[in-house]
PDB file of N, CA and C in Angstrom:
ATOM      1  N   MET A   1      78.341-192.160 214.963  1.00  0.00           N
ATOM      2  CA  MET A   1      77.177-191.556 214.358  1.00  0.00           C
ATOM      3  C   MET A   1      77.523-190.941 213.012  1.00  0.00           C
ATOM      4  N   THR A   2      78.697-190.358 212.877  1.00  0.00           N
ATOM      5  CA  THR A   2      79.116-189.722 211.642  1.00  0.00           C
ATOM      6  C   THR A   2      79.291-190.757 210.537  1.00  0.00           C
ATOM      7  N   VAL A   3      79.833-191.922 210.861  1.00  0.00           N
ATOM      8  CA  VAL A   3      80.005-192.989 209.867  1.00  0.00           C
ATOM      9  C   VAL A   3      78.647-193.445 209.360  1.00  0.00           C
ATOM     10  N   TYR A   4      77.692-193.568 210.270  1.00  0.00           N
ATOM     11  CA  TYR A   4      76.342-193.983 209.888  1.00  0.00           C
ATOM     12  C   TYR A   4      75.723-192.975 208.923  1.00  0.00           C
ATOM     13  N   ARG A   5      75.869-191.701 209.193  1.00  0.00           N
ATOM     14  CA  ARG A   5      75.301-190.660 208.321  1.00  0.00           C
ATOM     15  C   ARG A   5      75.962-190.677 206.948  1.00  0.00           C
ATOM     16  N   LYS A   6      77.266-190.891 206.897  1.00  0.00           N
ATOM     17  CA  LYS A   6      77.947-190.969 205.603  1.00  0.00           C
ATOM     18  C   LYS A   6      77.459-192.174 204.819  1.00  0.00           C
ATOM     19  N   HIS A   7      77.303-193.312 205.499  1.00  0.00           N
ATOM     20  CA  HIS A   7      76.805-194.532 204.838  1.00  0.00           C
ATOM     21  C   HIS A   7      75.375-194.321 204.328  1.00  0.00           C
ATOM     22  N   LEU A   8      74.545-193.699 205.145  1.00  0.00           N
ATOM     23  CA  LEU A   8      73.168-193.409 204.757  1.00  0.00           C
ATOM     24  C   LEU A   8      73.130-192.457 203.568  1.00  0.00           C
ATOM     25  N   ALA A   9      73.959-191.420 203.605  1.00  0.00           N
ATOM     26  CA  ALA A   9      73.998-190.452 202.509  1.00  0.00           C
ATOM     27  C   ALA A   9      74.473-191.120 201.222  1.00  0.00           C
ATOM     28  N   THR A  10      75.473-191.996 201.305  1.00  0.00           N
ATOM     29  CA  THR A  10      75.968-192.710 200.125  1.00  0.00           C
ATOM     30  C   THR A  10      74.893-193.640 199.571  1.00  0.00           C
ATOM     31  N   THR A  11      74.199-194.337 200.443  1.00  0.00           N
ATOM     32  CA  THR A  11      73.128-195.241 200.015  1.00  0.00           C
ATOM     33  C   THR A  11      72.000-194.469 199.333  1.00  0.00           C
ATOM     34  N   LEU A  12      71.604-193.347 199.915  1.00  0.00           N
ATOM     35  CA  LEU A  12      70.545-192.530 199.311  1.00  0.00           C
ATOM     36  C   LEU A  12      70.976-191.955 197.970  1.00  0.00           C
ATOM     37  N   LEU A  13      72.222-191.536 197.878  1.00  0.00           N
ATOM     38  CA  LEU A  13      72.732-191.018 196.616  1.00  0.00           C
ATOM     39  C   LEU A  13      72.720-192.096 195.549  1.00  0.00           C
ATOM     40  N   PHE A  14      73.176-193.284 195.895  1.00  0.00           N
ATOM     41  CA  PHE A  14      73.189-194.403 194.959  1.00  0.00           C
ATOM     42  C   PHE A  14      71.764-194.752 194.495  1.00  0.00           C
ATOM     43  N   ALA A  15      70.819-194.793 195.435  1.00  0.00           N
ATOM     44  CA  ALA A  15      69.425-195.108 195.101  1.00  0.00           C
ATOM     45  C   ALA A  15      68.828-194.040 194.186  1.00  0.00           C
ATOM     46  N   THR A  16      69.154-192.779 194.437  1.00  0.00           N
ATOM     47  CA  THR A  16      68.645-191.684 193.604  1.00  0.00           C
ATOM     48  C   THR A  16      69.195-191.773 192.180  1.00  0.00           C
ATOM     49  N   ILE A  17      70.499-192.045 192.066  1.00  0.00           N
ATOM     50  CA  ILE A  17      71.105-192.176 190.740  1.00  0.00           C
ATOM     51  C   ILE A  17      70.519-193.356 189.987  1.00  0.00           C
ATOM     52  N   LEU A  18      70.335-194.476 190.678  1.00  0.00           N
ATOM     53  CA  LEU A  18      69.753-195.670 190.061  1.00  0.00           C
ATOM     54  C   LEU A  18      68.328-195.400 189.581  1.00  0.00           C
ATOM     55  N   ALA A  19      67.541-194.730 190.400  1.00  0.00           N
ATOM     56  CA  ALA A  19      66.165-194.396 190.011  1.00  0.00           C
ATOM     57  C   ALA A  19      66.143-193.461 188.807  1.00  0.00           C
ATOM     58  N   ALA A  20      67.044-192.481 188.792  1.00  0.00           N
ATOM     59  CA  ALA A  20      67.106-191.554 187.662  1.00  0.00           C
ATOM     60  C   ALA A  20      67.493-192.262 186.380  1.00  0.00           C
ATOM     61  N   LEU A  21      68.441-193.182 186.465  1.00  0.00           N
ATOM     62  CA  LEU A  21      68.836-193.947 185.278  1.00  0.00           C
ATOM     63  C   LEU A  21      67.690-194.795 184.767  1.00  0.00           C
ATOM     64  N   LEU A  22      66.995-195.453 185.662  1.00  0.00           N
ATOM     65  CA  LEU A  22      65.874-196.299 185.263  1.00  0.00           C
ATOM     66  C   LEU A  22      64.778-195.468 184.612  1.00  0.00           C
ATOM     67  N   CYS A  23      64.445-194.334 185.190  1.00  0.00           N
ATOM     68  CA  CYS A  23      63.431-193.451 184.597  1.00  0.00           C
ATOM     69  C   CYS A  23      63.876-192.959 183.230  1.00  0.00           C
ATOM     70  N   GLY A  24      65.149-192.635 183.092  1.00  0.00           N
ATOM     71  CA  GLY A  24      65.668-192.171 181.810  1.00  0.00           C
ATOM     72  C   GLY A  24      65.559-193.236 180.738  1.00  0.00           C
ATOM     73  N   VAL A  25      65.871-194.456 181.071  1.00  0.00           N
ATOM     74  CA  VAL A  25      65.757-195.553 180.103  1.00  0.00           C
ATOM     75  C   VAL A  25      64.316-195.752 179.687  1.00  0.00           C
ATOM     76  N   LEU A  26      63.402-195.762 180.637  1.00  0.00           N
ATOM     77  CA  LEU A  26      61.987-195.953 180.298  1.00  0.00           C
ATOM     78  C   LEU A  26      61.440-194.778 179.499  1.00  0.00           C
ATOM     79  N   TYR A  27      61.896-193.561 179.796  1.00  0.00           N
ATOM     80  CA  TYR A  27      61.430-192.394 179.067  1.00  0.00           C
ATOM     81  C   TYR A  27      61.946-192.384 177.638  1.00  0.00           C
ATOM     82  N   LEU A  28      63.197-192.727 177.463  1.00  0.00           N
ATOM     83  CA  LEU A  28      63.802-192.689 176.137  1.00  0.00           C
ATOM     84  C   LEU A  28      63.413-193.876 175.271  1.00  0.00           C
ATOM     85  N   ARG A  29      62.971-194.961 175.868  1.00  0.00           N
ATOM     86  CA  ARG A  29      62.628-196.174 175.128  1.00  0.00           C
ATOM     87  C   ARG A  29      61.193-196.613 175.416  1.00  0.00           C
ATOM     88  N   PRO A  30      60.183-195.782 175.116  1.00  0.00           N
ATOM     89  CA  PRO A  30      58.809-196.157 175.430  1.00  0.00           C
ATOM     90  C   PRO A  30      58.343-197.382 174.666  1.00  0.00           C
ATOM     91  N   GLY A  31      59.011-197.742 173.569  1.00  0.00           N
ATOM     92  CA  GLY A  31      58.610-198.905 172.797  1.00  0.00           C
ATOM     93  C   GLY A  31      58.818-200.218 173.525  1.00  0.00           C
ATOM     94  N   LEU A  32      59.627-200.215 174.576  1.00  0.00           N
ATOM     95  CA  LEU A  32      59.866-201.457 175.304  1.00  0.00           C
ATOM     96  C   LEU A  32      58.572-201.995 175.893  1.00  0.00           C
ATOM     97  N   ALA A  33      57.809-201.149 176.527  1.00  0.00           N
ATOM     98  CA  ALA A  33      56.561-201.610 177.117  1.00  0.00           C
ATOM     99  C   ALA A  33      55.525-201.914 176.037  1.00  0.00           C
ATOM    100  N   ALA A  34      55.502-201.116 174.970  1.00  0.00           N
ATOM    101  CA  ALA A  34      54.506-201.306 173.925  1.00  0.00           C
ATOM    102  C   ALA A  34      54.713-202.619 173.184  1.00  0.00           C
ATOM    103  N   SER A  35      55.954-203.090 173.059  1.00  0.00           N
ATOM    104  CA  SER A  35      56.196-204.312 172.308  1.00  0.00           C
ATOM    105  C   SER A  35      55.612-205.534 172.981  1.00  0.00           C
ATOM    106  N   ASP A  36      55.307-205.427 174.273  1.00  0.00           N
ATOM    107  CA  ASP A  36      54.716-206.544 174.993  1.00  0.00           C
ATOM    108  C   ASP A  36      53.195-206.531 174.928  1.00  0.00           C
ATOM    109  N   ALA A  37      52.615-205.494 174.316  1.00  0.00           N
ATOM    110  CA  ALA A  37      51.175-205.360 174.272  1.00  0.00           C
ATOM    111  C   ALA A  37      50.565-206.397 173.333  1.00  0.00           C
ATOM    112  N   LYS A  38      49.399-206.909 173.742  1.00  0.00           N
ATOM    113  CA  LYS A  38      48.704-207.905 172.931  1.00  0.00           C
ATOM    114  C   LYS A  38      47.228-207.541 172.876  1.00  0.00           C
ATOM    115  N   ALA A  39      46.613-207.886 171.762  1.00  0.00           N
ATOM    116  CA  ALA A  39      45.187-207.649 171.580  1.00  0.00           C
ATOM    117  C   ALA A  39      44.611-208.816 170.801  1.00  0.00           C
ATOM    118  N   ALA A  40      43.299-209.030 170.930  1.00  0.00           N
ATOM    119  CA  ALA A  40      42.680-210.199 170.312  1.00  0.00           C
ATOM    120  C   ALA A  40      41.454-209.817 169.482  1.00  0.00           C
ATOM    121  N   VAL A  41      41.298-210.544 168.383  1.00  0.00           N
ATOM    122  CA  VAL A  41      40.106-210.464 167.550  1.00  0.00           C
ATOM    123  C   VAL A  41      39.574-211.889 167.419  1.00  0.00           C
ATOM    124  N   THR A  42      38.285-212.042 167.619  1.00  0.00           N
ATOM    125  CA  THR A  42      37.648-213.344 167.491  1.00  0.00           C
ATOM    126  C   THR A  42      36.928-213.439 166.151  1.00  0.00           C
ATOM    127  N   ILE A  43      37.052-214.581 165.514  1.00  0.00           N
ATOM    128  CA  ILE A  43      36.299-214.853 164.286  1.00  0.00           C
ATOM    129  C   ILE A  43      35.194-215.817 164.674  1.00  0.00           C
ATOM    130  N   ASP A  44      33.947-215.356 164.556  1.00  0.00           N
ATOM    131  CA  ASP A  44      32.816-216.188 164.963  1.00  0.00           C
ATOM    132  C   ASP A  44      31.557-215.724 164.233  1.00  0.00           C
ATOM    133  N   ASN A  45      30.744-216.676 163.847  1.00  0.00           N
ATOM    134  CA  ASN A  45      29.473-216.380 163.179  1.00  0.00           C
ATOM    135  C   ASN A  45      29.686-215.500 161.952  1.00  0.00           C
ATOM    136  N   TYR A  46      30.742-215.818 161.186  1.00  0.00           N
ATOM    137  CA  TYR A  46      31.084-215.118 159.947  1.00  0.00           C
ATOM    138  C   TYR A  46      31.297-213.621 160.166  1.00  0.00           C
ATOM    139  N   ALA A  47      31.964-213.284 161.285  1.00  0.00           N
ATOM    140  CA  ALA A  47      32.263-211.883 161.589  1.00  0.00           C
ATOM    141  C   ALA A  47      33.544-211.794 162.421  1.00  0.00           C
ATOM    142  N   PHE A  48      34.223-210.638 162.303  1.00  0.00           N
ATOM    143  CA  PHE A  48      35.376-210.334 163.141  1.00  0.00           C
ATOM    144  C   PHE A  48      34.875-209.521 164.328  1.00  0.00           C
ATOM    145  N   GLY A  49      35.307-209.881 165.516  1.00  0.00           N
ATOM    146  CA  GLY A  49      34.867-209.147 166.698  1.00  0.00           C
ATOM    147  C   GLY A  49      36.030-208.813 167.613  1.00  0.00           C
ATOM    148  N   PRO A  50      36.246-207.547 167.901  1.00  0.00           N
ATOM    149  CA  PRO A  50      35.459-206.402 167.441  1.00  0.00           C
ATOM    150  C   PRO A  50      35.750-206.090 165.974  1.00  0.00           C
ATOM    151  N   GLY A  51      34.808-205.428 165.340  1.00  0.00           N
ATOM    152  CA  GLY A  51      34.974-205.060 163.936  1.00  0.00           C
ATOM    153  C   GLY A  51      36.074-204.031 163.731  1.00  0.00           C
ATOM    154  N   THR A  52      36.208-203.126 164.687  1.00  0.00           N
ATOM    155  CA  THR A  52      37.286-202.139 164.686  1.00  0.00           C
ATOM    156  C   THR A  52      38.009-202.239 166.023  1.00  0.00           C
ATOM    157  N   LEU A  53      39.332-202.382 165.942  1.00  0.00           N
ATOM    158  CA  LEU A  53      40.157-202.499 167.140  1.00  0.00           C
ATOM    159  C   LEU A  53      41.213-201.411 167.099  1.00  0.00           C
ATOM    160  N   THR A  54      41.322-200.609 168.166  1.00  0.00           N
ATOM    161  CA  THR A  54      42.316-199.547 168.254  1.00  0.00           C
ATOM    162  C   THR A  54      43.413-199.992 169.218  1.00  0.00           C
ATOM    163  N   VAL A  55      44.673-199.925 168.741  1.00  0.00           N
ATOM    164  CA  VAL A  55      45.819-200.378 169.534  1.00  0.00           C
ATOM    165  C   VAL A  55      46.954-199.357 169.431  1.00  0.00           C
ATOM    166  N   LYS A  56      47.950-199.504 170.289  1.00  0.00           N
ATOM    167  CA  LYS A  56      49.153-198.672 170.230  1.00  0.00           C
ATOM    168  C   LYS A  56      50.183-199.336 169.339  1.00  0.00           C
ATOM    169  N   ARG A  57      51.103-198.528 168.791  1.00  0.00           N
ATOM    170  CA  ARG A  57      52.202-199.079 167.997  1.00  0.00           C
ATOM    171  C   ARG A  57      52.933-200.142 168.801  1.00  0.00           C
ATOM    172  N   GLY A  58      53.351-201.203 168.112  1.00  0.00           N
ATOM    173  CA  GLY A  58      54.081-202.282 168.762  1.00  0.00           C
ATOM    174  C   GLY A  58      53.196-203.382 169.296  1.00  0.00           C
ATOM    175  N   THR A  59      51.891-203.234 169.157  1.00  0.00           N
ATOM    176  CA  THR A  59      50.963-204.241 169.663  1.00  0.00           C
ATOM    177  C   THR A  59      50.862-205.410 168.701  1.00  0.00           C
ATOM    178  N   THR A  60      50.826-206.610 169.256  1.00  0.00           N
ATOM    179  CA  THR A  60      50.591-207.813 168.462  1.00  0.00           C
ATOM    180  C   THR A  60      49.108-208.156 168.555  1.00  0.00           C
ATOM    181  N   VAL A  61      48.468-208.233 167.403  1.00  0.00           N
ATOM    182  CA  VAL A  61      47.052-208.593 167.331  1.00  0.00           C
ATOM    183  C   VAL A  61      46.967-210.052 166.903  1.00  0.00           C
ATOM    184  N   THR A  62      46.157-210.822 167.624  1.00  0.00           N
ATOM    185  CA  THR A  62      45.959-212.236 167.305  1.00  0.00           C
ATOM    186  C   THR A  62      44.495-212.469 166.976  1.00  0.00           C
ATOM    187  N   TRP A  63      44.260-213.044 165.802  1.00  0.00           N
ATOM    188  CA  TRP A  63      42.937-213.459 165.387  1.00  0.00           C
ATOM    189  C   TRP A  63      42.793-214.945 165.701  1.00  0.00           C
ATOM    190  N   THR A  64      41.674-215.337 166.309  1.00  0.00           N
ATOM    191  CA  THR A  64      41.407-216.742 166.609  1.00  0.00           C
ATOM    192  C   THR A  64      40.063-217.123 166.021  1.00  0.00           C
ATOM    193  N   ASN A  65      40.069-218.208 165.233  1.00  0.00           N
ATOM    194  CA  ASN A  65      38.836-218.672 164.596  1.00  0.00           C
ATOM    195  C   ASN A  65      38.047-219.542 165.559  1.00  0.00           C
ATOM    196  N   LYS A  66      36.880-219.065 165.961  1.00  0.00           N
ATOM    197  CA  LYS A  66      35.979-219.828 166.826  1.00  0.00           C
ATOM    198  C   LYS A  66      34.737-220.255 166.062  1.00  0.00           C
ATOM    199  N   ASP A  67      34.786-220.082 164.754  1.00  0.00           N
ATOM    200  CA  ASP A  67      33.666-220.451 163.883  1.00  0.00           C
ATOM    201  C   ASP A  67      33.829-221.903 163.447  1.00  0.00           C
ATOM    202  N   ASP A  68      32.752-222.477 162.931  1.00  0.00           N
ATOM    203  CA  ASP A  68      32.797-223.863 162.438  1.00  0.00           C
ATOM    204  C   ASP A  68      33.338-223.959 161.032  1.00  0.00           C
ATOM    205  N   ASP A  69      33.509-222.819 160.363  1.00  0.00           N
ATOM    206  CA  ASP A  69      33.994-222.792 158.990  1.00  0.00           C
ATOM    207  C   ASP A  69      35.424-222.246 158.953  1.00  0.00           C
ATOM    208  N   VAL A  70      36.120-222.521 157.866  1.00  0.00           N
ATOM    209  CA  VAL A  70      37.480-222.023 157.663  1.00  0.00           C
ATOM    210  C   VAL A  70      37.420-220.559 157.224  1.00  0.00           C
ATOM    211  N   HIS A  71      38.357-219.744 157.756  1.00  0.00           N
ATOM    212  CA  HIS A  71      38.441-218.327 157.403  1.00  0.00           C
ATOM    213  C   HIS A  71      39.900-217.937 157.218  1.00  0.00           C
ATOM    214  N   THR A  72      40.114-216.754 156.646  1.00  0.00           N
ATOM    215  CA  THR A  72      41.456-216.176 156.536  1.00  0.00           C
ATOM    216  C   THR A  72      41.414-214.745 157.060  1.00  0.00           C
ATOM    217  N   VAL A  73      42.592-214.180 157.259  1.00  0.00           N
ATOM    218  CA  VAL A  73      42.743-212.764 157.602  1.00  0.00           C
ATOM    219  C   VAL A  73      43.712-212.205 156.577  1.00  0.00           C
ATOM    220  N   LYS A  74      43.229-211.261 155.757  1.00  0.00           N
ATOM    221  CA  LYS A  74      44.054-210.710 154.668  1.00  0.00           C
ATOM    222  C   LYS A  74      43.913-209.196 154.657  1.00  0.00           C
ATOM    223  N   SER A  75      45.072-208.514 154.661  1.00  0.00           N
ATOM    224  CA  SER A  75      45.036-207.052 154.601  1.00  0.00           C
ATOM    225  C   SER A  75      44.385-206.625 153.293  1.00  0.00           C
ATOM    226  N   ASP A  76      43.702-205.486 153.363  1.00  0.00           N
ATOM    227  CA  ASP A  76      42.961-204.977 152.216  1.00  0.00           C
ATOM    228  C   ASP A  76      43.441-203.559 151.929  1.00  0.00           C
ATOM    229  N   GLY A  77      44.694-203.459 151.428  1.00  0.00           N
ATOM    230  CA  GLY A  77      45.286-202.155 151.171  1.00  0.00           C
ATOM    231  C   GLY A  77      46.127-201.713 152.347  1.00  0.00           C
ATOM    232  N   GLY A  78      46.711-200.540 152.248  1.00  0.00           N
ATOM    233  CA  GLY A  78      47.527-200.006 153.333  1.00  0.00           C
ATOM    234  C   GLY A  78      48.992-200.342 153.160  1.00  0.00           C
ATOM    235  N   SER A  79      49.817-199.784 154.040  1.00  0.00           N
ATOM    236  CA  SER A  79      51.262-199.940 153.903  1.00  0.00           C
ATOM    237  C   SER A  79      51.787-201.253 154.473  1.00  0.00           C
ATOM    238  N   GLN A  80      51.060-201.867 155.390  1.00  0.00           N
ATOM    239  CA  GLN A  80      51.501-203.138 155.972  1.00  0.00           C
ATOM    240  C   GLN A  80      50.592-204.238 155.448  1.00  0.00           C
ATOM    241  N   THR A  81      51.171-205.178 154.709  1.00  0.00           N
ATOM    242  CA  THR A  81      50.368-206.256 154.169  1.00  0.00           C
ATOM    243  C   THR A  81      50.577-207.529 154.983  1.00  0.00           C
ATOM    244  N   PHE A  82      49.501-208.278 155.122  1.00  0.00           N
ATOM    245  CA  PHE A  82      49.565-209.537 155.848  1.00  0.00           C
ATOM    246  C   PHE A  82      48.475-210.462 155.318  1.00  0.00           C
ATOM    247  N   LYS A  83      48.716-211.757 155.425  1.00  0.00           N
ATOM    248  CA  LYS A  83      47.741-212.746 154.979  1.00  0.00           C
ATOM    249  C   LYS A  83      47.991-214.046 155.736  1.00  0.00           C
ATOM    250  N   SER A  84      46.948-214.545 156.343  1.00  0.00           N
ATOM    251  CA  SER A  84      47.051-215.815 157.044  1.00  0.00           C
ATOM    252  C   SER A  84      46.819-216.960 156.070  1.00  0.00           C
ATOM    253  N   SER A  85      47.173-218.133 156.508  1.00  0.00           N
ATOM    254  CA  SER A  85      46.744-219.326 155.792  1.00  0.00           C
ATOM    255  C   SER A  85      45.292-219.581 156.200  1.00  0.00           C
ATOM    256  N   ALA A  86      44.695-220.622 155.681  1.00  0.00           N
ATOM    257  CA  ALA A  86      43.321-220.966 156.065  1.00  0.00           C
ATOM    258  C   ALA A  86      43.317-221.346 157.542  1.00  0.00           C
ATOM    259  N   LEU A  87      42.470-220.673 158.303  1.00  0.00           N
ATOM    260  CA  LEU A  87      42.370-220.914 159.743  1.00  0.00           C
ATOM    261  C   LEU A  87      41.167-221.791 160.037  1.00  0.00           C
ATOM    262  N   ASP A  88      41.419-222.997 160.499  1.00  0.00           N
ATOM    263  CA  ASP A  88      40.341-223.902 160.898  1.00  0.00           C
ATOM    264  C   ASP A  88      39.897-223.534 162.317  1.00  0.00           C
ATOM    265  N   THR A  89      38.859-224.149 162.803  1.00  0.00           N
ATOM    266  CA  THR A  89      38.359-223.883 164.151  1.00  0.00           C
ATOM    267  C   THR A  89      39.486-224.049 165.171  1.00  0.00           C
ATOM    268  N   GLY A  90      39.702-223.010 165.983  1.00  0.00           N
ATOM    269  CA  GLY A  90      40.732-223.043 167.015  1.00  0.00           C
ATOM    270  C   GLY A  90      42.085-222.519 166.569  1.00  0.00           C
ATOM    271  N   ASP A  91      42.297-222.343 165.264  1.00  0.00           N
ATOM    272  CA  ASP A  91      43.577-221.825 164.769  1.00  0.00           C
ATOM    273  C   ASP A  91      43.683-220.319 165.008  1.00  0.00           C
ATOM    274  N   SER A  92      44.934-219.837 165.121  1.00  0.00           N
ATOM    275  CA  SER A  92      45.191-218.413 165.345  1.00  0.00           C
ATOM    276  C   SER A  92      46.222-217.898 164.355  1.00  0.00           C
ATOM    277  N   PHE A  93      46.219-216.578 164.195  1.00  0.00           N
ATOM    278  CA  PHE A  93      47.150-215.869 163.322  1.00  0.00           C
ATOM    279  C   PHE A  93      47.464-214.534 163.984  1.00  0.00           C
ATOM    280  N   SER A  94      48.751-214.140 164.003  1.00  0.00           N
ATOM    281  CA  SER A  94      49.160-212.899 164.687  1.00  0.00           C
ATOM    282  C   SER A  94      49.969-211.987 163.782  1.00  0.00           C
ATOM    283  N   VAL A  95      49.799-210.680 164.002  1.00  0.00           N
ATOM    284  CA  VAL A  95      50.558-209.642 163.303  1.00  0.00           C
ATOM    285  C   VAL A  95      50.924-208.575 164.328  1.00  0.00           C
ATOM    286  N   THR A  96      52.180-208.106 164.289  1.00  0.00           N
ATOM    287  CA  THR A  96      52.615-206.994 165.136  1.00  0.00           C
ATOM    288  C   THR A  96      52.571-205.718 164.298  1.00  0.00           C
ATOM    289  N   PHE A  97      51.888-204.710 164.814  1.00  0.00           N
ATOM    290  CA  PHE A  97      51.713-203.445 164.105  1.00  0.00           C
ATOM    291  C   PHE A  97      52.685-202.412 164.665  1.00  0.00           C
ATOM    292  N   ASP A  98      53.720-202.089 163.862  1.00  0.00           N
ATOM    293  CA  ASP A  98      54.773-201.178 164.299  1.00  0.00           C
ATOM    294  C   ASP A  98      54.584-199.751 163.811  1.00  0.00           C
ATOM    295  N   LYS A  99      53.693-199.544 162.858  1.00  0.00           N
ATOM    296  CA  LYS A  99      53.496-198.208 162.296  1.00  0.00           C
ATOM    297  C   LYS A  99      52.068-197.741 162.523  1.00  0.00           C
ATOM    298  N   ALA A 100      51.931-196.467 162.855  1.00  0.00           N
ATOM    299  CA  ALA A 100      50.604-195.891 163.034  1.00  0.00           C
ATOM    300  C   ALA A 100      49.857-195.892 161.702  1.00  0.00           C
ATOM    301  N   GLY A 101      48.567-196.056 161.776  1.00  0.00           N
ATOM    302  CA  GLY A 101      47.740-196.036 160.567  1.00  0.00           C
ATOM    303  C   GLY A 101      46.488-196.868 160.768  1.00  0.00           C
ATOM    304  N   THR A 102      45.701-196.922 159.717  1.00  0.00           N
ATOM    305  CA  THR A 102      44.472-197.718 159.722  1.00  0.00           C
ATOM    306  C   THR A 102      44.651-198.863 158.748  1.00  0.00           C
ATOM    307  N   TYR A 103      44.403-200.066 159.204  1.00  0.00           N
ATOM    308  CA  TYR A 103      44.615-201.284 158.417  1.00  0.00           C
ATOM    309  C   TYR A 103      43.295-202.030 158.269  1.00  0.00           C
ATOM    310  N   GLN A 104      42.771-201.989 157.055  1.00  0.00           N
ATOM    311  CA  GLN A 104      41.543-202.716 156.729  1.00  0.00           C
ATOM    312  C   GLN A 104      41.925-204.164 156.420  1.00  0.00           C
ATOM    313  N   TYR A 105      41.057-205.105 156.762  1.00  0.00           N
ATOM    314  CA  TYR A 105      41.311-206.498 156.409  1.00  0.00           C
ATOM    315  C   TYR A 105      39.992-207.213 156.134  1.00  0.00           C
ATOM    316  N   ILE A 106      40.093-208.339 155.441  1.00  0.00           N
ATOM    317  CA  ILE A 106      38.920-209.142 155.079  1.00  0.00           C
ATOM    318  C   ILE A 106      39.249-210.620 155.269  1.00  0.00           C
ATOM    319  N   CYS A 107      38.235-211.439 155.155  1.00  0.00           N
ATOM    320  CA  CYS A 107      38.413-212.879 154.986  1.00  0.00           C
ATOM    321  C   CYS A 107      38.374-213.097 153.478  1.00  0.00           C
ATOM    322  N   SER A 108      39.461-213.623 152.908  1.00  0.00           N
ATOM    323  CA  SER A 108      39.496-213.776 151.450  1.00  0.00           C
ATOM    324  C   SER A 108      38.535-214.859 150.959  1.00  0.00           C
ATOM    325  N   ILE A 109      38.089-215.742 151.834  1.00  0.00           N
ATOM    326  CA  ILE A 109      37.102-216.766 151.460  1.00  0.00           C
ATOM    327  C   ILE A 109      35.693-216.182 151.500  1.00  0.00           C
ATOM    328  N   HIS A 110      35.460-215.301 152.454  1.00  0.00           N
ATOM    329  CA  HIS A 110      34.142-214.662 152.640  1.00  0.00           C
ATOM    330  C   HIS A 110      34.361-213.142 152.672  1.00  0.00           C
ATOM    331  N   PRO A 111      34.512-212.490 151.503  1.00  0.00           N
ATOM    332  CA  PRO A 111      34.900-211.065 151.461  1.00  0.00           C
ATOM    333  C   PRO A 111      33.931-210.107 152.150  1.00  0.00           C
ATOM    334  N   HIS A 112      32.702-210.565 152.437  1.00  0.00           N
ATOM    335  CA  HIS A 112      31.786-209.692 153.167  1.00  0.00           C
ATOM    336  C   HIS A 112      32.224-209.524 154.628  1.00  0.00           C
ATOM    337  N   MET A 113      33.116-210.404 155.102  1.00  0.00           N
ATOM    338  CA  MET A 113      33.674-210.280 156.452  1.00  0.00           C
ATOM    339  C   MET A 113      34.794-209.244 156.400  1.00  0.00           C
ATOM    340  N   GLN A 114      34.612-208.133 157.102  1.00  0.00           N
ATOM    341  CA  GLN A 114      35.587-207.042 157.060  1.00  0.00           C
ATOM    342  C   GLN A 114      35.890-206.571 158.481  1.00  0.00           C
ATOM    343  N   GLY A 115      37.121-206.090 158.652  1.00  0.00           N
ATOM    344  CA  GLY A 115      37.510-205.548 159.955  1.00  0.00           C
ATOM    345  C   GLY A 115      38.528-204.451 159.763  1.00  0.00           C
ATOM    346  N   LYS A 116      38.881-203.795 160.876  1.00  0.00           N
ATOM    347  CA  LYS A 116      39.821-202.671 160.804  1.00  0.00           C
ATOM    348  C   LYS A 116      40.650-202.626 162.089  1.00  0.00           C
ATOM    349  N   ILE A 117      41.974-202.436 161.910  1.00  0.00           N
ATOM    350  CA  ILE A 117      42.866-202.189 163.035  1.00  0.00           C
ATOM    351  C   ILE A 117      43.346-200.743 162.924  1.00  0.00           C
ATOM    352  N   VAL A 118      43.143-199.959 163.957  1.00  0.00           N
ATOM    353  CA  VAL A 118      43.612-198.570 164.003  1.00  0.00           C
ATOM    354  C   VAL A 118      44.796-198.544 164.955  1.00  0.00           C
ATOM    355  N   VAL A 119      45.971-198.173 164.429  1.00  0.00           N
ATOM    356  CA  VAL A 119      47.192-198.155 165.221  1.00  0.00           C
ATOM    357  C   VAL A 119      47.571-196.709 165.504  1.00  0.00           C
ATOM    358  N   GLN A 120      47.678-196.371 166.792  1.00  0.00           N
ATOM    359  CA  GLN A 120      47.992-194.987 167.198  1.00  0.00           C
ATOM    360  C   GLN A 120      49.445-194.864 167.583  1.00  0.00           C
TER     361      GLN A 120
END
């Protein structure tokens, strides 16, 4: 019985240490989970939808053109600049936002098309 209790105590101690290490890694490196985050913007009927998208740092935003016309996604000021090539129907373009801030963007072919990414 004593051997069993020692084995059980050692196993519980090992499990506790392992859990503490895992929690410590996740606490100290919160960006690991955020880097896997994804968000989508649809281009349709000469508009970006949603017009304003709020995401966490590390999120990759993908724009997909579902319109019959060609469009682009081009940053309109701000610290992070990005510009897609011409996106035909079904084409996509992605940007990962690593810094907090507000990022305005337009379609450079149709400048009345405007959108905003808010990164927290």
